[in-house]
Amino acid sequence: MKKIAFLLIILIVAVAGWGSMIVVYASSSHAASLPPTPTSVPSVPTPHTRTIVDNPATVAPTVKNDVVAQGSSTLPEVALTFDDGPSMYTPQVLNILQENSVHATFFCVGEWVQYYPNYVQQEYSAGNVVANHTWNHPDLTTLSSVDVQTQISRTSTLIQQTIGVQPTLFRPPYGAINDSVKAQAAQMNLTPILWSIDTEDWTRPGSDAIVNAVLSQVGNGDVILMHDGGGDRSQTVAALPRIILGLQQRGLKLVTMPQLIQDMNS
């Protein structure tokens, strides 16, 4: 009897052991099938340098201290301008411009130039103008003179490192500018640029609304504000070919901001 009881105990222990092994194996197999958990956030890319590309489309503006928001009212030409890039939408904008044989002016944010230096290089190499839109898009009128200078100069330095050319144009975020900001821009030989038509594409009103915002009011010398960065710009991309076509059908030539300024002063 004792022998039988002893054998039963051994059998129970053996079965329990195999059960534990099965549970352990099943748990291990399930864990192995899970994707690994990220352990760190990717670091911010460092600025790149490049070989300088000649850009015959670049024209130095003759205005330095005055704020420019519009060109000549007697010349049938307008300027497309894009703020807050570069971003993932910038190559699409560039492709549309190239397909239509037109150029634009890109007001770049320094922090995003760090992420997408190749897009800035593509802007410049394609004959577009690269301009300054501060380092991280603050309202400059709320900053000290030192901080304003840092926002602008740091961005200009990075743009020069990226394309080999110092920007000559500057657009204050939100269009917020005062005498102090103008003075800082003048010290750095930058012409402040605003706009005469705001598409409000950043509100994502739909591509039809963006097109209508331009074509319903455009005239000679208008400076058109659009965005290639700062959020979802798919509506801007969708609207752009129709805007270009509509401008051309109205007999308006699309030029860069430096060209618009030069023609206005000639």
C-alpha atoms as a PDB file:
ATOM      1  CA  MET A   1       0.000   0.000   0.000  1.00  0.00           C
ATOM      2  CA  LYS A   2       2.793   2.390   0.933  1.00  0.00           C
ATOM      3  CA  LYS A   3       4.565   1.493  -2.294  1.00  0.00           C
ATOM      4  CA  ILE A   4       1.472   2.336  -4.349  1.00  0.00           C
ATOM      5  CA  ALA A   5       1.060   5.670  -2.552  1.00  0.00           C
ATOM      6  CA  PHE A   6       4.727   6.482  -3.182  1.00  0.00           C
ATOM      7  CA  LEU A   7       4.357   5.747  -6.904  1.00  0.00           C
ATOM      8  CA  LEU A   8       1.253   7.964  -7.085  1.00  0.00           C
ATOM      9  CA  ILE A   9       3.189  10.872  -5.532  1.00  0.00           C
ATOM     10  CA  ILE A  10       5.999  10.464  -8.086  1.00  0.00           C
ATOM     11  CA  LEU A  11       3.453  10.406 -10.931  1.00  0.00           C
ATOM     12  CA  ILE A  12       1.725  13.595  -9.681  1.00  0.00           C
ATOM     13  CA  VAL A  13       5.050  15.434  -9.379  1.00  0.00           C
ATOM     14  CA  ALA A  14       6.082  14.356 -12.869  1.00  0.00           C
ATOM     15  CA  VAL A  15       2.797  15.527 -14.402  1.00  0.00           C
ATOM     16  CA  ALA A  16       3.038  18.850 -12.581  1.00  0.00           C
ATOM     17  CA  GLY A  17       6.598  19.318 -13.815  1.00  0.00           C
ATOM     18  CA  TRP A  18       5.644  18.725 -17.425  1.00  0.00           C
ATOM     19  CA  GLY A  19       2.719  21.138 -17.013  1.00  0.00           C
ATOM     20  CA  SER A  20       5.068  23.858 -15.748  1.00  0.00           C
ATOM     21  CA  MET A  21       7.422  23.274 -18.615  1.00  0.00           C
ATOM     22  CA  ILE A  22       4.511  23.592 -21.057  1.00  0.00           C
ATOM     23  CA  VAL A  23       3.345  26.830 -19.441  1.00  0.00           C
ATOM     24  CA  VAL A  24       6.874  28.258 -19.435  1.00  0.00           C
ATOM     25  CA  TYR A  25       7.412  27.323 -23.079  1.00  0.00           C
ATOM     26  CA  ALA A  26       4.060  28.771 -24.123  1.00  0.00           C
ATOM     27  CA  SER A  27       4.816  32.022 -22.322  1.00  0.00           C
ATOM     28  CA  SER A  28       8.276  32.216 -23.861  1.00  0.00           C
ATOM     29  CA  SER A  29       6.891  31.590 -27.336  1.00  0.00           C
ATOM     30  CA  HIS A  30       4.275  34.342 -26.936  1.00  0.00           C
ATOM     31  CA  ALA A  31       6.847  36.847 -25.672  1.00  0.00           C
ATOM     32  CA  ALA A  32       9.156  36.111 -28.574  1.00  0.00           C
ATOM     33  CA  SER A  33       6.391  36.964 -31.044  1.00  0.00           C
ATOM     34  CA  LEU A  34       5.859  40.505 -29.671  1.00  0.00           C
ATOM     35  CA  PRO A  35       7.613  43.420 -31.386  1.00  0.00           C
ATOM     36  CA  PRO A  36      10.495  44.986 -29.459  1.00  0.00           C
ATOM     37  CA  THR A  37       9.726  48.078 -27.393  1.00  0.00           C
ATOM     38  CA  PRO A  38      11.644  51.209 -28.436  1.00  0.00           C
ATOM     39  CA  THR A  39      14.156  52.253 -25.816  1.00  0.00           C
ATOM     40  CA  SER A  40      15.047  55.733 -27.041  1.00  0.00           C
ATOM     41  CA  VAL A  41      13.825  58.608 -29.204  1.00  0.00           C
ATOM     42  CA  PRO A  42      15.823  59.244 -32.405  1.00  0.00           C
ATOM     43  CA  SER A  43      18.150  62.199 -32.125  1.00  0.00           C
ATOM     44  CA  VAL A  44      17.626  65.361 -34.150  1.00  0.00           C
ATOM     45  CA  PRO A  45      19.666  65.281 -37.385  1.00  0.00           C
ATOM     46  CA  THR A  46      22.593  67.663 -37.530  1.00  0.00           C
ATOM     47  CA  PRO A  47      22.846  70.275 -40.299  1.00  0.00           C
ATOM     48  CA  HIS A  48      24.392  69.116 -43.563  1.00  0.00           C
ATOM     49  CA  THR A  49      26.682  70.964 -45.896  1.00  0.00           C
ATOM     50  CA  ARG A  50      26.651  70.782 -49.660  1.00  0.00           C
ATOM     51  CA  THR A  51      28.405  71.739 -52.852  1.00  0.00           C
ATOM     52  CA  ILE A  52      27.299  75.205 -53.941  1.00  0.00           C
ATOM     53  CA  VAL A  53      25.049  75.191 -57.012  1.00  0.00           C
ATOM     54  CA  ASP A  54      24.935  78.246 -59.267  1.00  0.00           C
ATOM     55  CA  ASN A  55      21.453  79.757 -59.323  1.00  0.00           C
ATOM     56  CA  PRO A  56      20.905  82.287 -62.111  1.00  0.00           C
ATOM     57  CA  ALA A  57      17.295  82.888 -60.971  1.00  0.00           C
ATOM     58  CA  THR A  58      18.418  84.652 -57.798  1.00  0.00           C
ATOM     59  CA  VAL A  59      18.189  88.442 -58.005  1.00  0.00           C
ATOM     60  CA  ALA A  60      19.310  90.615 -55.088  1.00  0.00           C
ATOM     61  CA  PRO A  61      16.567  93.006 -53.971  1.00  0.00           C
ATOM     62  CA  THR A  62      17.370  96.698 -53.851  1.00  0.00           C
ATOM     63  CA  VAL A  63      15.060  97.442 -50.893  1.00  0.00           C
ATOM     64  CA  LYS A  64      16.532  96.754 -47.454  1.00  0.00           C
ATOM     65  CA  ASN A  65      14.740  98.675 -44.718  1.00  0.00           C
ATOM     66  CA  ASP A  66      11.182  99.024 -46.024  1.00  0.00           C
ATOM     67  CA  VAL A  67       8.621  96.276 -45.509  1.00  0.00           C
ATOM     68  CA  VAL A  68       7.437  94.878 -48.849  1.00  0.00           C
ATOM     69  CA  ALA A  69       3.937  93.437 -49.108  1.00  0.00           C
ATOM     70  CA  GLN A  70       3.203  94.023 -52.792  1.00  0.00           C
ATOM     71  CA  GLY A  71       4.938  94.679 -56.074  1.00  0.00           C
ATOM     72  CA  SER A  72       4.106  97.064 -58.879  1.00  0.00           C
ATOM     73  CA  SER A  73       0.416  97.636 -59.587  1.00  0.00           C
ATOM     74  CA  THR A  74       1.240  98.338 -63.229  1.00  0.00           C
ATOM     75  CA  LEU A  75       3.129  95.138 -64.037  1.00  0.00           C
ATOM     76  CA  PRO A  76       1.236  91.871 -64.680  1.00  0.00           C
ATOM     77  CA  GLU A  77       3.263  89.700 -62.327  1.00  0.00           C
ATOM     78  CA  VAL A  78       2.740  88.075 -58.932  1.00  0.00           C
ATOM     79  CA  ALA A  79       4.839  86.119 -56.441  1.00  0.00           C
ATOM     80  CA  LEU A  80       3.991  82.784 -54.855  1.00  0.00           C
ATOM     81  CA  THR A  81       5.490  82.466 -51.378  1.00  0.00           C
ATOM     82  CA  PHE A  82       5.554  79.452 -49.074  1.00  0.00           C
ATOM     83  CA  ASP A  83       6.081  79.590 -45.302  1.00  0.00           C
ATOM     84  CA  ASP A  84       6.953  77.205 -42.457  1.00  0.00           C
ATOM     85  CA  GLY A  85       8.850  74.558 -44.439  1.00  0.00           C
ATOM     86  CA  PRO A  86      10.611  72.558 -45.410  1.00  0.00           C
ATOM     87  CA  SER A  87       8.446  69.523 -44.718  1.00  0.00           C
ATOM     88  CA  MET A  88       7.346  66.255 -46.283  1.00  0.00           C
ATOM     89  CA  TYR A  89       5.092  68.301 -48.595  1.00  0.00           C
ATOM     90  CA  THR A  90       7.911  70.432 -50.004  1.00  0.00           C
ATOM     91  CA  PRO A  91       8.982  67.944 -52.724  1.00  0.00           C
ATOM     92  CA  GLN A  92       5.386  67.823 -54.001  1.00  0.00           C
ATOM     93  CA  VAL A  93       5.270  71.618 -54.187  1.00  0.00           C
ATOM     94  CA  LEU A  94       8.610  71.653 -56.003  1.00  0.00           C
ATOM     95  CA  ASN A  95       7.423  69.070 -58.517  1.00  0.00           C
ATOM     96  CA  ILE A  96       4.340  71.144 -59.331  1.00  0.00           C
ATOM     97  CA  LEU A  97       6.399  74.305 -59.762  1.00  0.00           C
ATOM     98  CA  GLN A  98       8.840  72.495 -62.034  1.00  0.00           C
ATOM     99  CA  GLU A  99       6.078  70.915 -64.114  1.00  0.00           C
ATOM    100  CA  ASN A 100       4.673  74.389 -64.744  1.00  0.00           C
ATOM    101  CA  SER A 101       8.072  76.059 -65.290  1.00  0.00           C
ATOM    102  CA  VAL A 102       7.549  78.631 -62.526  1.00  0.00           C
ATOM    103  CA  HIS A 103       9.509  79.645 -59.446  1.00  0.00           C
ATOM    104  CA  ALA A 104       8.541  80.669 -55.932  1.00  0.00           C
ATOM    105  CA  THR A 105      10.051  82.018 -52.727  1.00  0.00           C
ATOM    106  CA  PHE A 106      10.347  79.713 -49.703  1.00  0.00           C
ATOM    107  CA  PHE A 107      10.514  81.267 -46.238  1.00  0.00           C
ATOM    108  CA  CYS A 108      12.157  78.495 -44.237  1.00  0.00           C
ATOM    109  CA  VAL A 109      12.116  77.823 -40.498  1.00  0.00           C
ATOM    110  CA  GLY A 110      15.610  77.067 -39.202  1.00  0.00           C
ATOM    111  CA  GLU A 111      14.636  74.064 -37.104  1.00  0.00           C
ATOM    112  CA  TRP A 112      13.084  72.399 -40.139  1.00  0.00           C
ATOM    113  CA  VAL A 113      16.083  73.197 -42.309  1.00  0.00           C
ATOM    114  CA  GLN A 114      17.992  70.968 -39.870  1.00  0.00           C
ATOM    115  CA  TYR A 115      15.612  68.062 -40.538  1.00  0.00           C
ATOM    116  CA  TYR A 116      15.275  68.481 -44.298  1.00  0.00           C
ATOM    117  CA  PRO A 117      18.434  70.145 -45.654  1.00  0.00           C
ATOM    118  CA  ASN A 118      18.107  68.217 -48.901  1.00  0.00           C
ATOM    119  CA  TYR A 119      14.714  69.793 -49.582  1.00  0.00           C
ATOM    120  CA  VAL A 120      16.182  73.274 -49.123  1.00  0.00           C
ATOM    121  CA  GLN A 121      18.972  72.356 -51.515  1.00  0.00           C
ATOM    122  CA  GLN A 122      16.363  71.184 -54.034  1.00  0.00           C
ATOM    123  CA  GLU A 123      14.477  74.470 -53.669  1.00  0.00           C
ATOM    124  CA  TYR A 124      17.589  76.452 -54.479  1.00  0.00           C
ATOM    125  CA  SER A 125      18.906  74.175 -57.209  1.00  0.00           C
ATOM    126  CA  ALA A 126      15.564  74.370 -59.037  1.00  0.00           C
ATOM    127  CA  GLY A 127      15.848  78.163 -59.279  1.00  0.00           C
ATOM    128  CA  ASN A 128      13.617  79.103 -56.365  1.00  0.00           C
ATOM    129  CA  VAL A 129      14.585  81.617 -53.677  1.00  0.00           C
ATOM    130  CA  VAL A 130      15.289  80.475 -50.115  1.00  0.00           C
ATOM    131  CA  ALA A 131      14.498  83.072 -47.460  1.00  0.00           C
ATOM    132  CA  ASN A 132      14.485  83.443 -43.662  1.00  0.00           C
ATOM    133  CA  HIS A 133      11.420  82.714 -41.469  1.00  0.00           C
ATOM    134  CA  THR A 134      13.232  82.648 -38.077  1.00  0.00           C
ATOM    135  CA  TRP A 135      14.532  79.680 -36.138  1.00  0.00           C
ATOM    136  CA  ASN A 136      11.378  78.331 -34.488  1.00  0.00           C
ATOM    137  CA  HIS A 137       8.543  80.660 -35.521  1.00  0.00           C
ATOM    138  CA  PRO A 138       7.985  82.942 -32.499  1.00  0.00           C
ATOM    139  CA  ASP A 139       6.181  86.262 -32.426  1.00  0.00           C
ATOM    140  CA  LEU A 140       9.255  88.466 -32.687  1.00  0.00           C
ATOM    141  CA  THR A 141       7.481  91.519 -31.276  1.00  0.00           C
ATOM    142  CA  THR A 142       7.362  89.768 -27.893  1.00  0.00           C
ATOM    143  CA  LEU A 143      11.121  89.091 -27.765  1.00  0.00           C
ATOM    144  CA  SER A 144      14.114  91.160 -26.724  1.00  0.00           C
ATOM    145  CA  SER A 145      16.364  92.650 -29.403  1.00  0.00           C
ATOM    146  CA  VAL A 146      19.017  90.051 -28.601  1.00  0.00           C
ATOM    147  CA  ASP A 147      16.567  87.179 -29.004  1.00  0.00           C
ATOM    148  CA  VAL A 148      15.229  88.630 -32.260  1.00  0.00           C
ATOM    149  CA  GLN A 149      18.757  88.852 -33.613  1.00  0.00           C
ATOM    150  CA  THR A 150      19.436  85.244 -32.586  1.00  0.00           C
ATOM    151  CA  GLN A 151      16.250  83.973 -34.236  1.00  0.00           C
ATOM    152  CA  ILE A 152      17.135  85.632 -37.523  1.00  0.00           C
ATOM    153  CA  SER A 153      20.919  85.286 -37.633  1.00  0.00           C
ATOM    154  CA  ARG A 154      20.938  81.624 -36.601  1.00  0.00           C
ATOM    155  CA  THR A 155      18.573  80.801 -39.442  1.00  0.00           C
ATOM    156  CA  SER A 156      20.518  82.814 -42.010  1.00  0.00           C
ATOM    157  CA  THR A 157      23.732  81.075 -40.973  1.00  0.00           C
ATOM    158  CA  LEU A 158      22.193  77.624 -41.383  1.00  0.00           C
ATOM    159  CA  ILE A 159      20.684  78.495 -44.755  1.00  0.00           C
ATOM    160  CA  GLN A 160      24.082  79.694 -45.960  1.00  0.00           C
ATOM    161  CA  GLN A 161      25.679  76.465 -44.716  1.00  0.00           C
ATOM    162  CA  THR A 162      22.993  74.479 -46.536  1.00  0.00           C
ATOM    163  CA  ILE A 163      22.912  76.181 -49.960  1.00  0.00           C
ATOM    164  CA  GLY A 164      26.042  78.333 -49.923  1.00  0.00           C
ATOM    165  CA  VAL A 165      24.121  81.613 -50.227  1.00  0.00           C
ATOM    166  CA  GLN A 166      23.120  84.124 -47.564  1.00  0.00           C
ATOM    167  CA  PRO A 167      19.381  84.929 -47.655  1.00  0.00           C
ATOM    168  CA  THR A 168      18.397  88.516 -48.434  1.00  0.00           C
ATOM    169  CA  LEU A 169      14.710  88.263 -47.516  1.00  0.00           C
ATOM    170  CA  PHE A 170      13.028  87.753 -44.162  1.00  0.00           C
ATOM    171  CA  ARG A 171       9.397  87.171 -43.206  1.00  0.00           C
ATOM    172  CA  PRO A 172       8.353  87.632 -39.558  1.00  0.00           C
ATOM    173  CA  PRO A 173       6.077  84.849 -38.270  1.00  0.00           C
ATOM    174  CA  TYR A 174       2.401  85.837 -38.160  1.00  0.00           C
ATOM    175  CA  GLY A 175       3.362  89.019 -40.006  1.00  0.00           C
ATOM    176  CA  ALA A 176       4.164  90.513 -36.597  1.00  0.00           C
ATOM    177  CA  ILE A 177       6.703  93.296 -37.016  1.00  0.00           C
ATOM    178  CA  ASN A 178       7.610  96.548 -35.260  1.00  0.00           C
ATOM    179  CA  ASP A 179      10.407  99.109 -35.415  1.00  0.00           C
ATOM    180  CA  SER A 180      12.709  96.972 -33.268  1.00  0.00           C
ATOM    181  CA  VAL A 181      12.305  93.927 -35.525  1.00  0.00           C
ATOM    182  CA  LYS A 182      12.783  96.066 -38.639  1.00  0.00           C
ATOM    183  CA  ALA A 183      15.963  97.509 -37.146  1.00  0.00           C
ATOM    184  CA  GLN A 184      17.383  94.043 -36.479  1.00  0.00           C
ATOM    185  CA  ALA A 185      16.545  92.922 -40.008  1.00  0.00           C
ATOM    186  CA  ALA A 186      18.191  96.023 -41.459  1.00  0.00           C
ATOM    187  CA  GLN A 187      21.385  95.355 -39.496  1.00  0.00           C
ATOM    188  CA  MET A 188      21.549  91.941 -41.161  1.00  0.00           C
ATOM    189  CA  ASN A 189      20.790  93.368 -44.633  1.00  0.00           C
ATOM    190  CA  LEU A 190      17.434  91.607 -44.826  1.00  0.00           C
ATOM    191  CA  THR A 191      14.330  93.000 -46.489  1.00  0.00           C
ATOM    192  CA  PRO A 192      11.153  92.223 -44.483  1.00  0.00           C
ATOM    193  CA  ILE A 193       8.443  90.634 -46.622  1.00  0.00           C
ATOM    194  CA  LEU A 194       4.728  90.419 -45.844  1.00  0.00           C
ATOM    195  CA  TRP A 195       1.885  89.629 -48.276  1.00  0.00           C
ATOM    196  CA  SER A 196      -1.189  91.052 -49.983  1.00  0.00           C
ATOM    197  CA  ILE A 197      -3.204  87.826 -50.394  1.00  0.00           C
ATOM    198  CA  ASP A 198      -3.546  85.314 -47.567  1.00  0.00           C
ATOM    199  CA  THR A 199      -4.917  81.971 -48.745  1.00  0.00           C
ATOM    200  CA  GLU A 200      -5.411  80.873 -45.126  1.00  0.00           C
ATOM    201  CA  ASP A 201      -4.461  77.405 -46.318  1.00  0.00           C
ATOM    202  CA  TRP A 202      -3.146  76.627 -42.828  1.00  0.00           C
ATOM    203  CA  THR A 203      -6.784  76.416 -41.647  1.00  0.00           C
ATOM    204  CA  ARG A 204      -7.363  73.588 -44.149  1.00  0.00           C
ATOM    205  CA  PRO A 205     -10.563  75.098 -45.621  1.00  0.00           C
ATOM    206  CA  GLY A 206     -10.487  72.770 -48.633  1.00  0.00           C
ATOM    207  CA  SER A 207      -8.603  73.077 -51.907  1.00  0.00           C
ATOM    208  CA  ASP A 208     -11.498  74.891 -53.623  1.00  0.00           C
ATOM    209  CA  ALA A 209     -11.472  77.602 -50.951  1.00  0.00           C
ATOM    210  CA  ILE A 210      -7.702  77.994 -51.262  1.00  0.00           C
ATOM    211  CA  VAL A 211      -7.953  78.414 -55.028  1.00  0.00           C
ATOM    212  CA  ASN A 212     -10.821  80.885 -54.699  1.00  0.00           C
ATOM    213  CA  ALA A 213      -8.941  82.927 -52.082  1.00  0.00           C
ATOM    214  CA  VAL A 214      -6.357  83.699 -54.762  1.00  0.00           C
ATOM    215  CA  LEU A 215      -8.247  83.865 -58.035  1.00  0.00           C
ATOM    216  CA  SER A 216     -11.184  85.874 -56.677  1.00  0.00           C
ATOM    217  CA  GLN A 217      -9.028  88.890 -55.847  1.00  0.00           C
ATOM    218  CA  VAL A 218      -5.600  88.605 -57.475  1.00  0.00           C
ATOM    219  CA  GLY A 219      -4.143  91.510 -59.403  1.00  0.00           C
ATOM    220  CA  ASN A 220      -0.861  93.020 -60.529  1.00  0.00           C
ATOM    221  CA  GLY A 221       1.945  92.826 -57.991  1.00  0.00           C
ATOM    222  CA  ASP A 222       0.226  90.607 -55.450  1.00  0.00           C
ATOM    223  CA  VAL A 223       2.291  88.586 -52.987  1.00  0.00           C
ATOM    224  CA  ILE A 224       0.463  85.326 -52.297  1.00  0.00           C
ATOM    225  CA  LEU A 225       0.937  83.612 -48.933  1.00  0.00           C
ATOM    226  CA  MET A 226       0.800  79.808 -48.809  1.00  0.00           C
ATOM    227  CA  HIS A 227       2.421  77.143 -46.634  1.00  0.00           C
ATOM    228  CA  ASP A 228       4.505  74.072 -47.428  1.00  0.00           C
ATOM    229  CA  GLY A 229       5.048  73.184 -43.762  1.00  0.00           C
ATOM    230  CA  GLY A 230       3.629  73.519 -40.272  1.00  0.00           C
ATOM    231  CA  GLY A 231       0.994  70.787 -40.602  1.00  0.00           C
ATOM    232  CA  ASP A 232      -1.032  68.834 -43.134  1.00  0.00           C
ATOM    233  CA  ARG A 233      -0.536  70.695 -46.410  1.00  0.00           C
ATOM    234  CA  SER A 234      -2.204  68.190 -48.729  1.00  0.00           C
ATOM    235  CA  GLN A 235      -4.935  70.729 -49.559  1.00  0.00           C
ATOM    236  CA  THR A 236      -2.302  73.291 -50.521  1.00  0.00           C
ATOM    237  CA  VAL A 237      -0.639  70.759 -52.791  1.00  0.00           C
ATOM    238  CA  ALA A 238      -3.991  69.926 -54.389  1.00  0.00           C
ATOM    239  CA  ALA A 239      -4.821  73.602 -54.933  1.00  0.00           C
ATOM    240  CA  LEU A 240      -1.464  74.705 -56.324  1.00  0.00           C
ATOM    241  CA  PRO A 241      -1.766  73.482 -59.955  1.00  0.00           C
ATOM    242  CA  ARG A 242      -5.165  75.179 -60.289  1.00  0.00           C
ATOM    243  CA  ILE A 243      -3.826  78.409 -58.803  1.00  0.00           C
ATOM    244  CA  ILE A 244      -0.895  78.465 -61.220  1.00  0.00           C
ATOM    245  CA  LEU A 245      -3.162  77.756 -64.196  1.00  0.00           C
ATOM    246  CA  GLY A 246      -5.642  80.428 -63.118  1.00  0.00           C
ATOM    247  CA  LEU A 247      -2.910  83.033 -62.709  1.00  0.00           C
ATOM    248  CA  GLN A 248      -1.450  82.252 -66.107  1.00  0.00           C
ATOM    249  CA  GLN A 249      -4.881  82.385 -67.757  1.00  0.00           C
ATOM    250  CA  ARG A 250      -5.227  85.895 -66.344  1.00  0.00           C
ATOM    251  CA  GLY A 251      -1.996  86.888 -68.057  1.00  0.00           C
ATOM    252  CA  LEU A 252      -0.023  87.107 -64.814  1.00  0.00           C
ATOM    253  CA  LYS A 253       3.622  86.086 -64.743  1.00  0.00           C
ATOM    254  CA  LEU A 254       4.814  84.184 -61.668  1.00  0.00           C
ATOM    255  CA  VAL A 255       8.125  85.529 -60.357  1.00  0.00           C
ATOM    256  CA  THR A 256      10.232  85.284 -57.222  1.00  0.00           C
ATOM    257  CA  MET A 257      10.163  87.994 -54.556  1.00  0.00           C
ATOM    258  CA  PRO A 258      13.574  89.428 -55.508  1.00  0.00           C
ATOM    259  CA  GLN A 259      12.402  89.738 -59.108  1.00  0.00           C
ATOM    260  CA  LEU A 260       9.129  91.349 -58.033  1.00  0.00           C
ATOM    261  CA  ILE A 261      11.041  93.905 -55.949  1.00  0.00           C
ATOM    262  CA  GLN A 262      13.556  94.619 -58.694  1.00  0.00           C
ATOM    263  CA  ASP A 263      10.818  95.155 -61.281  1.00  0.00           C
ATOM    264  CA  MET A 264       8.939  97.430 -58.881  1.00  0.00           C
ATOM    265  CA  ASN A 265      12.004  99.627 -58.427  1.00  0.00           C
ATOM    266  CA  SER A 266      13.136  99.722 -62.052  1.00  0.00           C
END
